[in-house]
Amino acid sequence: MLPPKRFDVCRYEWQKADGYGKVCMDGKHFYSTRPENANKQVLVGIRAHTVDILTEGGQVITTHRRAYGDNRTDISDYSTTLAVLMKNSGAWGNSGLRRETPDALRAYMDAQPKEKLKDCLRIMNELTNQYGFQAATSAMEMACTRGSIGSINICDASVLAARITGYGIYTPPETGPSLAVYDDMFLKEGGTV
């Protein structure tokens, strides 16, 4: 019989985060934590395929896929990156998150003044937390390209993100019940509504 509980093969280490709040493993693989962890000791759970970043109390903040190889890697979590960018929107131009953003949305956000860019980043953060990064950026891109005034607001983007993750944006509507019975009952022959 196998044990009733899964055996968690994990090594826990305290590592000091750099000035960007990232911890380094094996001298070349960097993993993001939270911005407030910059230059502080961080608890890291190291497994064969994942790296967990934990709070002092042992709660998982984020989990990264573990990187191997001789080349330097820099693995970021969108939620921690967005937290940094919301505090310092001027870093948007050099962020890895900017490169991951779809072209139309990137161009839109690049053209925004500082306060409007902060609003966009806040919307992206809220949608990413609720629907995931891919759905959030797709919804925001649709909102800025299809919007009547060419801007993004949280309401439109939320509806689009919910539709993307729930049904698929291009799924045709379901056919509803036939209303012919009501037409026969309430519309007299030759009448109009």
N, C-alpha and C. Protein backbone atom coordinates (compact mmCIF):
# COMPACT_ATOMS: atom_id res chain seq x y z
N MET A 1 0.85 -1.20 0.00
CA MET A 1 0.00 0.00 0.00
C MET A 1 0.88 1.24 0.00
N LEU A 2 0.46 2.21 -0.78
CA LEU A 2 1.14 3.50 -0.76
C LEU A 2 0.69 4.28 0.47
N PRO A 3 1.54 5.18 0.95
CA PRO A 3 1.13 6.00 2.10
C PRO A 3 -0.10 6.84 1.74
N PRO A 4 -0.97 7.09 2.72
CA PRO A 4 -2.20 7.86 2.43
C PRO A 4 -1.91 9.32 2.05
N LYS A 5 -0.79 9.87 2.50
CA LYS A 5 -0.45 11.25 2.16
C LYS A 5 0.76 11.27 1.25
N ARG A 6 0.75 12.19 0.32
CA ARG A 6 1.84 12.33 -0.64
C ARG A 6 3.12 12.76 0.09
N PHE A 7 4.23 12.15 -0.25
CA PHE A 7 5.52 12.53 0.31
C PHE A 7 6.06 13.70 -0.48
N ASP A 8 6.22 14.82 0.16
CA ASP A 8 6.65 16.05 -0.51
C ASP A 8 8.17 16.14 -0.47
N VAL A 9 8.81 15.87 -1.60
CA VAL A 9 10.26 15.95 -1.69
C VAL A 9 10.63 17.39 -1.96
N CYS A 10 11.04 18.08 -0.91
CA CYS A 10 11.31 19.52 -1.02
C CYS A 10 12.42 19.90 -0.05
N ARG A 11 13.26 20.81 -0.51
CA ARG A 11 14.32 21.37 0.34
C ARG A 11 13.99 22.84 0.56
N TYR A 12 13.99 23.25 1.81
CA TYR A 12 13.68 24.64 2.13
C TYR A 12 14.97 25.36 2.50
N GLU A 13 15.13 26.55 1.93
CA GLU A 13 16.32 27.36 2.21
C GLU A 13 15.91 28.82 2.38
N TRP A 14 16.66 29.51 3.23
CA TRP A 14 16.52 30.96 3.32
C TRP A 14 17.55 31.54 2.36
N GLN A 15 17.09 32.39 1.43
CA GLN A 15 18.00 33.03 0.49
C GLN A 15 17.76 34.53 0.51
N LYS A 16 18.83 35.27 0.29
CA LYS A 16 18.70 36.72 0.27
C LYS A 16 18.31 37.18 -1.14
N ALA A 17 17.24 37.96 -1.22
CA ALA A 17 16.79 38.50 -2.50
C ALA A 17 17.67 39.69 -2.87
N ASP A 18 17.82 39.91 -4.17
CA ASP A 18 18.61 41.05 -4.63
C ASP A 18 17.77 42.33 -4.55
N GLY A 19 18.27 43.42 -5.09
CA GLY A 19 17.59 44.70 -5.04
C GLY A 19 16.28 44.74 -5.81
N TYR A 20 16.07 43.77 -6.70
CA TYR A 20 14.82 43.69 -7.46
C TYR A 20 13.83 42.71 -6.83
N GLY A 21 14.21 42.12 -5.70
CA GLY A 21 13.34 41.16 -5.04
C GLY A 21 13.40 39.79 -5.68
N LYS A 22 14.53 39.44 -6.29
CA LYS A 22 14.68 38.14 -6.94
C LYS A 22 15.72 37.31 -6.19
N VAL A 23 15.46 36.01 -6.10
CA VAL A 23 16.44 35.11 -5.51
C VAL A 23 17.16 34.36 -6.62
N CYS A 24 18.42 34.03 -6.36
CA CYS A 24 19.25 33.36 -7.36
C CYS A 24 19.57 31.94 -6.89
N MET A 25 19.36 30.99 -7.78
CA MET A 25 19.72 29.60 -7.49
C MET A 25 20.76 29.13 -8.49
N ASP A 26 21.67 28.32 -8.05
CA ASP A 26 22.73 27.75 -8.89
C ASP A 26 23.57 28.83 -9.56
N GLY A 27 23.56 30.03 -9.03
CA GLY A 27 24.39 31.11 -9.56
C GLY A 27 23.93 31.72 -10.87
N LYS A 28 22.85 31.23 -11.46
CA LYS A 28 22.43 31.76 -12.76
C LYS A 28 20.92 31.76 -13.03
N HIS A 29 20.13 31.19 -12.13
CA HIS A 29 18.69 31.14 -12.34
C HIS A 29 18.01 32.04 -11.30
N PHE A 30 17.32 33.09 -11.79
CA PHE A 30 16.70 34.09 -10.93
C PHE A 30 15.19 33.91 -10.93
N TYR A 31 14.58 33.99 -9.73
CA TYR A 31 13.15 33.82 -9.56
C TYR A 31 12.59 35.01 -8.79
N SER A 32 11.48 35.56 -9.29
CA SER A 32 10.92 36.75 -8.65
C SER A 32 10.18 36.40 -7.37
N THR A 33 10.25 37.33 -6.41
CA THR A 33 9.44 37.26 -5.20
C THR A 33 8.55 38.49 -5.23
N ARG A 34 8.31 39.10 -4.10
CA ARG A 34 7.57 40.36 -4.06
C ARG A 34 8.54 41.52 -4.00
N PRO A 35 8.13 42.70 -4.48
CA PRO A 35 9.03 43.86 -4.45
C PRO A 35 9.49 44.23 -3.05
N GLU A 36 8.63 44.04 -2.07
CA GLU A 36 9.00 44.40 -0.69
C GLU A 36 10.05 43.47 -0.10
N ASN A 37 10.38 42.38 -0.81
CA ASN A 37 11.42 41.46 -0.33
C ASN A 37 12.81 41.84 -0.80
N ALA A 38 12.96 42.96 -1.48
CA ALA A 38 14.27 43.38 -1.97
C ALA A 38 15.27 43.46 -0.82
N ASN A 39 16.43 42.83 -1.01
CA ASN A 39 17.52 42.81 -0.04
C ASN A 39 17.14 42.17 1.30
N LYS A 40 16.15 41.28 1.31
CA LYS A 40 15.73 40.59 2.53
C LYS A 40 15.87 39.08 2.36
N GLN A 41 15.86 38.38 3.48
CA GLN A 41 15.89 36.92 3.45
C GLN A 41 14.50 36.40 3.08
N VAL A 42 14.46 35.43 2.16
CA VAL A 42 13.20 34.88 1.66
C VAL A 42 13.26 33.36 1.80
N LEU A 43 12.16 32.75 2.23
CA LEU A 43 12.08 31.30 2.33
C LEU A 43 11.73 30.73 0.97
N VAL A 44 12.56 29.78 0.49
CA VAL A 44 12.38 29.20 -0.83
C VAL A 44 12.23 27.69 -0.69
N GLY A 45 11.20 27.12 -1.31
CA GLY A 45 10.99 25.68 -1.35
C GLY A 45 11.44 25.17 -2.70
N ILE A 46 12.46 24.30 -2.72
CA ILE A 46 13.07 23.84 -3.97
C ILE A 46 12.66 22.39 -4.21
N ARG A 47 12.00 22.16 -5.32
CA ARG A 47 11.61 20.82 -5.74
C ARG A 47 12.26 20.51 -7.08
N ALA A 48 12.06 19.31 -7.58
CA ALA A 48 12.68 18.90 -8.84
C ALA A 48 12.21 19.75 -10.02
N HIS A 49 10.93 20.12 -10.03
CA HIS A 49 10.39 20.83 -11.19
C HIS A 49 9.85 22.22 -10.88
N THR A 50 9.75 22.56 -9.59
CA THR A 50 9.20 23.86 -9.22
C THR A 50 10.02 24.49 -8.11
N VAL A 51 9.87 25.82 -8.00
CA VAL A 51 10.47 26.59 -6.93
C VAL A 51 9.36 27.42 -6.31
N ASP A 52 9.11 27.22 -5.00
CA ASP A 52 8.09 27.98 -4.29
C ASP A 52 8.74 29.13 -3.55
N ILE A 53 8.12 30.28 -3.59
CA ILE A 53 8.52 31.43 -2.77
C ILE A 53 7.46 31.53 -1.68
N LEU A 54 7.91 31.51 -0.42
CA LEU A 54 6.98 31.45 0.70
C LEU A 54 7.12 32.66 1.63
N THR A 55 6.07 32.91 2.39
CA THR A 55 6.12 33.93 3.44
C THR A 55 6.88 33.34 4.62
N GLU A 56 7.17 34.17 5.61
CA GLU A 56 7.84 33.67 6.82
C GLU A 56 7.00 32.61 7.51
N GLY A 57 5.69 32.71 7.40
CA GLY A 57 4.79 31.74 8.02
C GLY A 57 4.63 30.45 7.23
N GLY A 58 5.24 30.38 6.03
CA GLY A 58 5.19 29.16 5.24
C GLY A 58 4.10 29.12 4.19
N GLN A 59 3.39 30.23 3.95
CA GLN A 59 2.37 30.26 2.90
C GLN A 59 3.02 30.59 1.57
N VAL A 60 2.60 29.88 0.52
CA VAL A 60 3.19 30.07 -0.80
C VAL A 60 2.72 31.40 -1.39
N ILE A 61 3.69 32.22 -1.79
CA ILE A 61 3.40 33.48 -2.47
C ILE A 61 3.22 33.21 -3.96
N THR A 62 4.19 32.49 -4.52
CA THR A 62 4.16 32.16 -5.94
C THR A 62 4.98 30.90 -6.19
N THR A 63 4.66 30.22 -7.25
CA THR A 63 5.39 29.02 -7.65
C THR A 63 5.90 29.24 -9.07
N HIS A 64 7.18 28.97 -9.26
CA HIS A 64 7.81 29.09 -10.57
C HIS A 64 8.22 27.72 -11.07
N ARG A 65 8.22 27.55 -12.38
CA ARG A 65 8.79 26.34 -12.97
C ARG A 65 10.30 26.43 -12.82
N ARG A 66 10.91 25.38 -12.36
CA ARG A 66 12.35 25.40 -12.10
C ARG A 66 13.13 25.35 -13.41
N ALA A 67 14.16 26.18 -13.48
CA ALA A 67 15.00 26.25 -14.68
C ALA A 67 16.29 25.46 -14.46
N TYR A 68 16.75 24.85 -15.53
CA TYR A 68 18.01 24.12 -15.51
C TYR A 68 18.84 24.60 -16.69
N GLY A 69 20.11 24.25 -16.70
CA GLY A 69 20.98 24.57 -17.83
C GLY A 69 22.09 25.51 -17.44
N ASP A 70 22.95 25.78 -18.43
CA ASP A 70 24.12 26.62 -18.20
C ASP A 70 23.85 28.10 -18.45
N ASN A 71 22.78 28.42 -19.17
CA ASN A 71 22.49 29.81 -19.49
C ASN A 71 21.69 30.47 -18.37
N ARG A 72 21.87 31.76 -18.23
CA ARG A 72 21.15 32.54 -17.23
C ARG A 72 19.67 32.58 -17.59
N THR A 73 18.83 32.42 -16.59
CA THR A 73 17.39 32.56 -16.77
C THR A 73 16.86 33.57 -15.76
N ASP A 74 15.80 34.24 -16.12
CA ASP A 74 15.18 35.22 -15.25
C ASP A 74 13.68 34.97 -15.32
N ILE A 75 13.15 34.31 -14.31
CA ILE A 75 11.76 33.88 -14.32
C ILE A 75 10.95 34.80 -13.40
N SER A 76 9.92 35.39 -13.98
CA SER A 76 9.09 36.33 -13.23
C SER A 76 7.66 35.83 -13.17
N ASP A 77 7.01 36.18 -12.10
CA ASP A 77 5.59 35.92 -11.94
C ASP A 77 4.87 37.22 -12.29
N TYR A 78 3.84 37.13 -13.12
CA TYR A 78 3.15 38.33 -13.57
C TYR A 78 2.61 39.15 -12.40
N SER A 79 2.10 38.47 -11.37
CA SER A 79 1.53 39.22 -10.25
C SER A 79 2.59 40.01 -9.49
N THR A 80 3.78 39.44 -9.32
CA THR A 80 4.82 40.19 -8.61
C THR A 80 5.39 41.29 -9.50
N THR A 81 5.48 41.03 -10.81
CA THR A 81 5.96 42.06 -11.74
C THR A 81 4.98 43.23 -11.79
N LEU A 82 3.69 42.93 -11.83
CA LEU A 82 2.69 43.99 -11.85
C LEU A 82 2.72 44.81 -10.57
N ALA A 83 2.99 44.17 -9.45
CA ALA A 83 3.09 44.91 -8.18
C ALA A 83 4.21 45.93 -8.24
N VAL A 84 5.34 45.55 -8.84
CA VAL A 84 6.47 46.48 -8.99
C VAL A 84 6.09 47.60 -9.93
N LEU A 85 5.48 47.27 -11.06
CA LEU A 85 5.14 48.29 -12.06
C LEU A 85 4.09 49.26 -11.57
N MET A 86 3.17 48.81 -10.74
CA MET A 86 2.16 49.73 -10.23
C MET A 86 2.78 50.77 -9.31
N LYS A 87 3.86 50.40 -8.62
CA LYS A 87 4.56 51.35 -7.77
C LYS A 87 5.47 52.26 -8.57
N ASN A 88 6.01 51.74 -9.67
CA ASN A 88 6.95 52.50 -10.50
C ASN A 88 6.61 52.28 -11.96
N SER A 89 5.60 53.01 -12.45
CA SER A 89 5.15 52.81 -13.83
C SER A 89 6.21 53.23 -14.85
N GLY A 90 7.20 54.00 -14.44
CA GLY A 90 8.28 54.39 -15.34
C GLY A 90 9.13 53.21 -15.78
N ALA A 91 9.06 52.10 -15.05
CA ALA A 91 9.81 50.90 -15.41
C ALA A 91 9.11 50.07 -16.49
N TRP A 92 7.93 50.49 -16.90
CA TRP A 92 7.17 49.76 -17.92
C TRP A 92 7.98 49.54 -19.20
N GLY A 93 8.67 50.56 -19.65
CA GLY A 93 9.40 50.47 -20.92
C GLY A 93 10.48 49.41 -20.94
N ASN A 94 11.04 49.07 -19.80
CA ASN A 94 12.12 48.08 -19.74
C ASN A 94 11.69 46.76 -19.12
N SER A 95 10.41 46.61 -18.84
CA SER A 95 9.98 45.40 -18.13
C SER A 95 9.82 44.22 -19.08
N GLY A 96 10.04 43.04 -18.53
CA GLY A 96 9.82 41.81 -19.30
C GLY A 96 8.34 41.61 -19.59
N LEU A 97 7.50 42.13 -18.72
CA LEU A 97 6.05 42.03 -18.90
C LEU A 97 5.61 42.78 -20.17
N ARG A 98 6.26 43.89 -20.45
CA ARG A 98 5.94 44.66 -21.66
C ARG A 98 6.17 43.81 -22.90
N ARG A 99 7.26 43.04 -22.92
CA ARG A 99 7.56 42.18 -24.07
C ARG A 99 6.53 41.06 -24.24
N GLU A 100 5.91 40.64 -23.14
CA GLU A 100 4.92 39.57 -23.18
C GLU A 100 3.52 40.07 -23.57
N THR A 101 3.35 41.38 -23.60
CA THR A 101 2.05 41.98 -23.88
C THR A 101 1.80 42.00 -25.38
N PRO A 102 0.57 41.70 -25.84
CA PRO A 102 0.26 41.75 -27.28
C PRO A 102 0.58 43.12 -27.89
N ASP A 103 0.94 43.13 -29.17
CA ASP A 103 1.43 44.33 -29.85
C ASP A 103 0.49 45.53 -29.73
N ALA A 104 -0.79 45.34 -30.01
CA ALA A 104 -1.73 46.47 -29.99
C ALA A 104 -1.86 47.05 -28.58
N LEU A 105 -1.91 46.19 -27.59
CA LEU A 105 -2.01 46.66 -26.21
C LEU A 105 -0.72 47.35 -25.78
N ARG A 106 0.41 46.79 -26.17
CA ARG A 106 1.71 47.41 -25.83
C ARG A 106 1.79 48.81 -26.43
N ALA A 107 1.41 48.96 -27.70
CA ALA A 107 1.45 50.27 -28.35
C ALA A 107 0.51 51.25 -27.65
N TYR A 108 -0.67 50.77 -27.26
CA TYR A 108 -1.63 51.62 -26.55
C TYR A 108 -1.05 52.09 -25.22
N MET A 109 -0.49 51.15 -24.45
CA MET A 109 0.04 51.50 -23.13
C MET A 109 1.28 52.37 -23.24
N ASP A 110 2.11 52.15 -24.25
CA ASP A 110 3.29 53.00 -24.46
C ASP A 110 2.91 54.45 -24.70
N ALA A 111 1.76 54.66 -25.34
CA ALA A 111 1.34 56.02 -25.70
C ALA A 111 0.64 56.76 -24.56
N GLN A 112 0.38 56.09 -23.44
CA GLN A 112 -0.37 56.70 -22.35
C GLN A 112 0.51 57.56 -21.45
N PRO A 113 -0.05 58.67 -20.93
CA PRO A 113 0.68 59.44 -19.91
C PRO A 113 0.78 58.61 -18.63
N LYS A 114 1.62 59.05 -17.71
CA LYS A 114 1.95 58.27 -16.52
C LYS A 114 0.72 57.83 -15.72
N GLU A 115 -0.22 58.73 -15.46
CA GLU A 115 -1.39 58.38 -14.65
C GLU A 115 -2.29 57.38 -15.36
N LYS A 116 -2.47 57.55 -16.66
CA LYS A 116 -3.30 56.61 -17.43
C LYS A 116 -2.61 55.24 -17.51
N LEU A 117 -1.29 55.23 -17.61
CA LEU A 117 -0.53 53.98 -17.62
C LEU A 117 -0.71 53.24 -16.29
N LYS A 118 -0.71 53.99 -15.18
CA LYS A 118 -0.94 53.37 -13.87
C LYS A 118 -2.33 52.74 -13.81
N ASP A 119 -3.33 53.42 -14.39
CA ASP A 119 -4.68 52.85 -14.43
C ASP A 119 -4.69 51.55 -15.23
N CYS A 120 -4.00 51.55 -16.37
CA CYS A 120 -3.93 50.34 -17.20
C CYS A 120 -3.27 49.19 -16.45
N LEU A 121 -2.20 49.49 -15.73
CA LEU A 121 -1.50 48.47 -14.96
C LEU A 121 -2.37 47.94 -13.82
N ARG A 122 -3.14 48.84 -13.21
CA ARG A 122 -4.05 48.42 -12.14
C ARG A 122 -5.13 47.48 -12.70
N ILE A 123 -5.68 47.84 -13.87
CA ILE A 123 -6.68 46.99 -14.51
C ILE A 123 -6.07 45.63 -14.87
N MET A 124 -4.86 45.67 -15.43
CA MET A 124 -4.18 44.42 -15.80
C MET A 124 -3.95 43.55 -14.56
N ASN A 125 -3.58 44.16 -13.45
CA ASN A 125 -3.34 43.42 -12.21
C ASN A 125 -4.63 42.77 -11.71
N GLU A 126 -5.72 43.53 -11.68
CA GLU A 126 -6.99 42.99 -11.20
C GLU A 126 -7.47 41.83 -12.08
N LEU A 127 -7.37 42.01 -13.40
CA LEU A 127 -7.83 40.96 -14.31
C LEU A 127 -6.92 39.74 -14.26
N THR A 128 -5.60 39.96 -14.11
CA THR A 128 -4.67 38.84 -14.02
C THR A 128 -4.95 38.02 -12.77
N ASN A 129 -5.21 38.68 -11.65
CA ASN A 129 -5.52 37.97 -10.41
C ASN A 129 -6.79 37.14 -10.52
N GLN A 130 -7.75 37.64 -11.30
CA GLN A 130 -9.04 36.96 -11.39
C GLN A 130 -9.11 35.96 -12.54
N TYR A 131 -8.51 36.30 -13.70
CA TYR A 131 -8.70 35.47 -14.89
C TYR A 131 -7.42 34.89 -15.47
N GLY A 132 -6.26 35.34 -15.01
CA GLY A 132 -5.00 34.90 -15.58
C GLY A 132 -4.47 35.93 -16.56
N PHE A 133 -3.15 35.89 -16.78
CA PHE A 133 -2.49 36.92 -17.58
C PHE A 133 -2.94 36.91 -19.05
N GLN A 134 -3.04 35.72 -19.65
CA GLN A 134 -3.42 35.65 -21.07
C GLN A 134 -4.80 36.23 -21.31
N ALA A 135 -5.77 35.85 -20.49
CA ALA A 135 -7.13 36.38 -20.63
C ALA A 135 -7.16 37.88 -20.37
N ALA A 136 -6.39 38.34 -19.38
CA ALA A 136 -6.37 39.77 -19.05
C ALA A 136 -5.84 40.60 -20.21
N THR A 137 -4.72 40.19 -20.78
CA THR A 137 -4.14 40.98 -21.87
C THR A 137 -4.99 40.89 -23.14
N SER A 138 -5.58 39.73 -23.40
CA SER A 138 -6.46 39.61 -24.57
C SER A 138 -7.67 40.51 -24.43
N ALA A 139 -8.26 40.53 -23.23
CA ALA A 139 -9.44 41.37 -22.98
C ALA A 139 -9.09 42.85 -23.10
N MET A 140 -7.95 43.23 -22.54
CA MET A 140 -7.55 44.64 -22.62
C MET A 140 -7.24 45.05 -24.06
N GLU A 141 -6.63 44.15 -24.81
CA GLU A 141 -6.34 44.45 -26.21
C GLU A 141 -7.64 44.65 -26.99
N MET A 142 -8.62 43.77 -26.76
CA MET A 142 -9.91 43.93 -27.44
C MET A 142 -10.59 45.23 -27.03
N ALA A 143 -10.51 45.56 -25.75
CA ALA A 143 -11.15 46.78 -25.25
C ALA A 143 -10.53 48.02 -25.87
N CYS A 144 -9.22 48.04 -26.07
CA CYS A 144 -8.59 49.25 -26.62
C CYS A 144 -8.72 49.33 -28.13
N THR A 145 -8.84 48.20 -28.83
CA THR A 145 -8.95 48.26 -30.29
C THR A 145 -10.39 48.36 -30.76
N ARG A 146 -11.33 47.83 -29.98
CA ARG A 146 -12.73 47.84 -30.40
C ARG A 146 -13.57 48.88 -29.70
N GLY A 147 -13.00 49.50 -28.67
CA GLY A 147 -13.76 50.49 -27.91
C GLY A 147 -14.12 51.70 -28.75
N SER A 148 -15.27 52.29 -28.47
CA SER A 148 -15.73 53.43 -29.25
C SER A 148 -14.84 54.66 -29.05
N ILE A 149 -14.24 54.78 -27.87
CA ILE A 149 -13.37 55.94 -27.63
C ILE A 149 -11.90 55.52 -27.55
N GLY A 150 -11.63 54.26 -27.85
CA GLY A 150 -10.25 53.80 -27.90
C GLY A 150 -9.55 53.80 -26.55
N SER A 151 -10.30 53.52 -25.49
CA SER A 151 -9.67 53.47 -24.17
C SER A 151 -10.11 52.21 -23.45
N ILE A 152 -9.43 51.92 -22.37
CA ILE A 152 -9.71 50.72 -21.61
C ILE A 152 -10.34 51.11 -20.28
N ASN A 153 -11.47 50.49 -19.95
CA ASN A 153 -12.02 50.66 -18.61
C ASN A 153 -12.24 49.28 -18.01
N ILE A 154 -12.29 49.23 -16.70
CA ILE A 154 -12.34 47.96 -15.98
C ILE A 154 -13.61 47.18 -16.29
N CYS A 155 -14.71 47.87 -16.51
CA CYS A 155 -15.98 47.17 -16.75
C CYS A 155 -15.94 46.40 -18.06
N ASP A 156 -15.56 47.08 -19.15
CA ASP A 156 -15.50 46.41 -20.45
C ASP A 156 -14.48 45.28 -20.45
N ALA A 157 -13.31 45.54 -19.89
CA ALA A 157 -12.25 44.54 -19.88
C ALA A 157 -12.65 43.34 -19.02
N SER A 158 -13.35 43.56 -17.91
CA SER A 158 -13.79 42.45 -17.05
C SER A 158 -14.79 41.55 -17.77
N VAL A 159 -15.73 42.16 -18.47
CA VAL A 159 -16.72 41.38 -19.21
C VAL A 159 -16.03 40.55 -20.28
N LEU A 160 -15.10 41.16 -21.00
CA LEU A 160 -14.39 40.43 -22.05
C LEU A 160 -13.55 39.29 -21.46
N ALA A 161 -12.85 39.54 -20.35
CA ALA A 161 -12.04 38.50 -19.73
C ALA A 161 -12.90 37.35 -19.23
N ALA A 162 -14.05 37.67 -18.64
CA ALA A 162 -14.96 36.62 -18.18
C ALA A 162 -15.48 35.80 -19.36
N ARG A 163 -15.77 36.47 -20.44
CA ARG A 163 -16.26 35.77 -21.64
C ARG A 163 -15.15 34.87 -22.22
N ILE A 164 -13.92 35.38 -22.26
CA ILE A 164 -12.79 34.60 -22.80
C ILE A 164 -12.59 33.33 -21.98
N THR A 165 -12.60 33.45 -20.66
CA THR A 165 -12.33 32.28 -19.82
C THR A 165 -13.55 31.39 -19.64
N GLY A 166 -14.75 31.96 -19.77
CA GLY A 166 -15.96 31.18 -19.54
C GLY A 166 -16.46 30.42 -20.76
N TYR A 167 -16.69 31.13 -21.84
CA TYR A 167 -17.31 30.53 -23.02
C TYR A 167 -16.39 30.51 -24.23
N GLY A 168 -15.44 31.41 -24.25
CA GLY A 168 -14.68 31.65 -25.47
C GLY A 168 -15.30 32.85 -26.15
N ILE A 169 -14.48 33.74 -26.59
CA ILE A 169 -14.98 35.02 -27.09
C ILE A 169 -15.77 34.88 -28.39
N TYR A 170 -15.44 33.89 -29.19
CA TYR A 170 -16.11 33.74 -30.49
C TYR A 170 -17.15 32.63 -30.50
N THR A 171 -17.53 32.11 -29.34
CA THR A 171 -18.56 31.09 -29.26
C THR A 171 -19.90 31.74 -29.58
N PRO A 172 -20.64 31.18 -30.54
CA PRO A 172 -21.94 31.78 -30.87
C PRO A 172 -22.93 31.61 -29.72
N PRO A 173 -23.89 32.51 -29.60
CA PRO A 173 -24.87 32.39 -28.51
C PRO A 173 -25.73 31.14 -28.70
N GLU A 174 -26.21 30.62 -27.60
CA GLU A 174 -27.10 29.46 -27.65
C GLU A 174 -28.46 29.92 -28.14
N THR A 175 -29.12 29.03 -28.88
CA THR A 175 -30.46 29.38 -29.33
C THR A 175 -31.40 29.33 -28.14
N GLY A 176 -32.23 30.30 -28.04
CA GLY A 176 -33.16 30.38 -26.92
C GLY A 176 -34.46 29.67 -27.26
N PRO A 177 -35.43 29.77 -26.38
CA PRO A 177 -36.72 29.12 -26.64
C PRO A 177 -37.46 29.86 -27.76
N SER A 178 -38.32 29.14 -28.42
CA SER A 178 -39.13 29.74 -29.48
C SER A 178 -40.21 30.62 -28.85
N LEU A 179 -40.36 31.82 -29.39
CA LEU A 179 -41.36 32.75 -28.88
C LEU A 179 -42.58 32.81 -29.80
N ALA A 180 -42.67 31.87 -30.72
CA ALA A 180 -43.77 31.85 -31.69
C ALA A 180 -45.12 31.75 -30.99
N VAL A 181 -45.19 31.02 -29.90
CA VAL A 181 -46.44 30.88 -29.14
C VAL A 181 -46.95 32.24 -28.69
N TYR A 182 -46.05 33.09 -28.23
CA TYR A 182 -46.46 34.42 -27.77
C TYR A 182 -46.85 35.30 -28.94
N ASP A 183 -46.16 35.13 -30.07
CA ASP A 183 -46.54 35.90 -31.26
C ASP A 183 -47.97 35.55 -31.66
N ASP A 184 -48.28 34.24 -31.65
CA ASP A 184 -49.63 33.81 -32.03
C ASP A 184 -50.67 34.34 -31.04
N MET A 185 -50.31 34.36 -29.75
CA MET A 185 -51.27 34.76 -28.73
C MET A 185 -51.50 36.26 -28.71
N PHE A 186 -50.42 37.06 -28.80
CA PHE A 186 -50.55 38.50 -28.60
C PHE A 186 -50.62 39.32 -29.88
N LEU A 187 -50.19 38.80 -30.98
CA LEU A 187 -50.23 39.53 -32.23
C LEU A 187 -51.37 39.01 -33.08
N LYS A 188 -52.29 39.89 -33.37
CA LYS A 188 -53.41 39.49 -34.22
C LYS A 188 -52.92 39.46 -35.65
N GLU A 189 -53.61 38.76 -36.46
CA GLU A 189 -53.23 38.62 -37.85
C GLU A 189 -53.14 40.01 -38.48
N GLY A 190 -51.96 40.27 -39.07
CA GLY A 190 -51.73 41.56 -39.70
C GLY A 190 -51.33 42.63 -38.73
N GLY A 191 -51.26 42.37 -37.44
CA GLY A 191 -50.89 43.35 -36.44
C GLY A 191 -49.38 43.53 -36.36
N THR A 192 -48.97 44.55 -35.66
CA THR A 192 -47.55 44.80 -35.45
C THR A 192 -47.30 44.96 -33.96
N VAL A 193 -46.05 44.86 -33.60
CA VAL A 193 -45.68 44.98 -32.19
C VAL A 193 -45.68 46.45 -31.82
